[in-house]
């Protein structure tokens, strides 16, 4: 049937005022835009080769440098568009999964998740799974970040304690939902990397500290919300419970090893939000 359809279309194309076959574009002809781009690339390559060999006027060298700069700018623009589209798709997937907090969805559509993973994993940054970030740690999957942020029910002026900075991505998200974020990371190399990335991107209401997160940050307590991004072993860390403000919310996974339940504590009442998997919370006691 496909062959018959092709024959009918071909016959119809030669009827009436249609041009004869030899007037049509020859097979394999490159579209005009592609020809122009290919010609420009060849010209650029020839100019670069001449300059590399020491030929060409100062103006030619300046032209080559200018063309190279334009190409780098265009490459960066295309990468930005790609990541922007990936974030938008990620947000739509979170919405399909049941995330209803529009503030959280909006923020996650803005925070450049790709900047918080190793460069070789940037293309996978918005995939629905955790990714390694070094020191045996991971960046949580987007749905986990969204669920925990939404569960905290943050206000614009809230002070938040985050235990487990990791890459700094979740801290960046929290910083756009609250007034201030104190984030404690056990691994110095991760803390330094997260601090640098957050500063580069302008998340200036986040303070990253190095230390045992299970002990919190008593000098900045009480906290309106506390988010723990690693599995507390057996029970909620008492120091964190003590640093929670009246009416505040503590969200923390508890269990054994990497498996357990996500708990929310508010006004002394515990609520299980379901089974989760996290890397174990590292403390000085372990």
Foldseek 3Di string as FASTA:
>chain_A
DVVVVVVVVVVVCPPDPHDDPVVDDPPPDDDPVVVVVVVVVVVLVVLVVCVVVVHDDPVSVVVNVVVVVVVVVVVVVVVVVLQLVLQVVLLVVLVVVPLDPVLLSVLSSPQRQLLLAPVVCSNVSSPQQWDDRDPPFTDGGPNVLSVQLVVQVEAAAFEEEEEACQSVRSVSSNLSHHPAYEYEHQDPVNLVNNVVSCVVVPSPRYHYYHAQCLQPDQVPAQGQEYEYQAEEEPDRRVNNVVRHDQQHKYWHFYYHAFKGFIWIDHNRDIDTPGIDGGHHRDGPVD
